[in-house]
Amino acid sequence: MIALFPRGSRVVAAAAAFALVAACSATPAPPGAADAGGAPCPSGRGPTMVRVVSKSAGTFCIDSTEVTRDDYAGFTREVAGGKMTSKLVACANDADPTPDATCLKDPRVCKGDACGRHPQVCVDLCDAAGYCEWAGKRLCFADARTAGARTPLREEWELACSLGVNPDTGRNFRDWPYGDGQQLNAETCNIGLRSGTGCGPNPTGCSTLPVGSLPDCQGSVPGVYDLGGNVMEFVDVGAATPAGGAAVGPSFAFGRTASEALSANCGFLLRGATRDFEIGFRCCAD
């Protein structure tokens, strides 16, 4: 089941706590470096992290990019033979992190040795959570748009993508990471309308791009890329996590028409998400 929740319709109780004050690094900090506003972010496994400082939600770290296929390969080599663990209750019986072989055969999935810097796809919520825990991180929290999901809500993913929610309007401060109050730019991020890689103009040749390869697809938190495109991303929505998981954000395959693209923003939520060629993930940490 797929349900789309426009940001303008959301209830904003407790959302006022998520006003962004600063991103402490204009670019991702070197591994092991201390970040202003908090302890050093985890380093050594996966993408470099950026620390975000918020007014009421405290601080958290977020991966600068989506987890790549090279990153994930290191994880699967180490936990081969059913050794994956995850703290998510729904994942208690899921110990195999192997990407789905049928999904990987989809023509829209990058093939060959040059794909190592592309985002990892064809994994499920438990695989993503297991990887993040192996890397000393966790899945990013996101708002489930349902009461009681988490108290208080910690909209880490939305905060990094859009500067959080304006309590006066109930809408994101930004519709897209690169700004608000401007016409959607289909070329800034790898969404479905983008020429060459988007599934709208190129339905048989569309695909992901190497992470961070579109330098303008950032902005709300400098140094954090592709929240506005490339692949949807698995997130932790707490007790409200539906069977299979939940994913947020647009992808290279979503937003293939002008009307669809307008909803392919920081307020997009996909419920019941599972292994798919257009779903990946990134990690967060305290």
Foldseek 3Di string as FASTA:
>chain_A
DWDWDFQLPFDCVLQVQQFFDAFQDLAQDDAPDQTPQDGGDQDDAFAGWTKTAGRRLGIKIWGQWFGFQLRLVVVCVVQPPQNFDAPDPVCHPPRHLDADPVQCPPLQEDDDPVRRLAHDARGFLSSQQSSQVVSVFGFAEDAPSDPPLDVVGDHPLLCQFASTADPVRSHGNAFGQLGHPDQDDPCQAQAQQHPPAHCQNPVNHHYADRICPRVSRHHSHNNRHRQAEAAWAFGRSHPPQDVGGKTFAGYSHFPNDVVRVSSRTSRTMTHNDHGHRRYGHITMHD
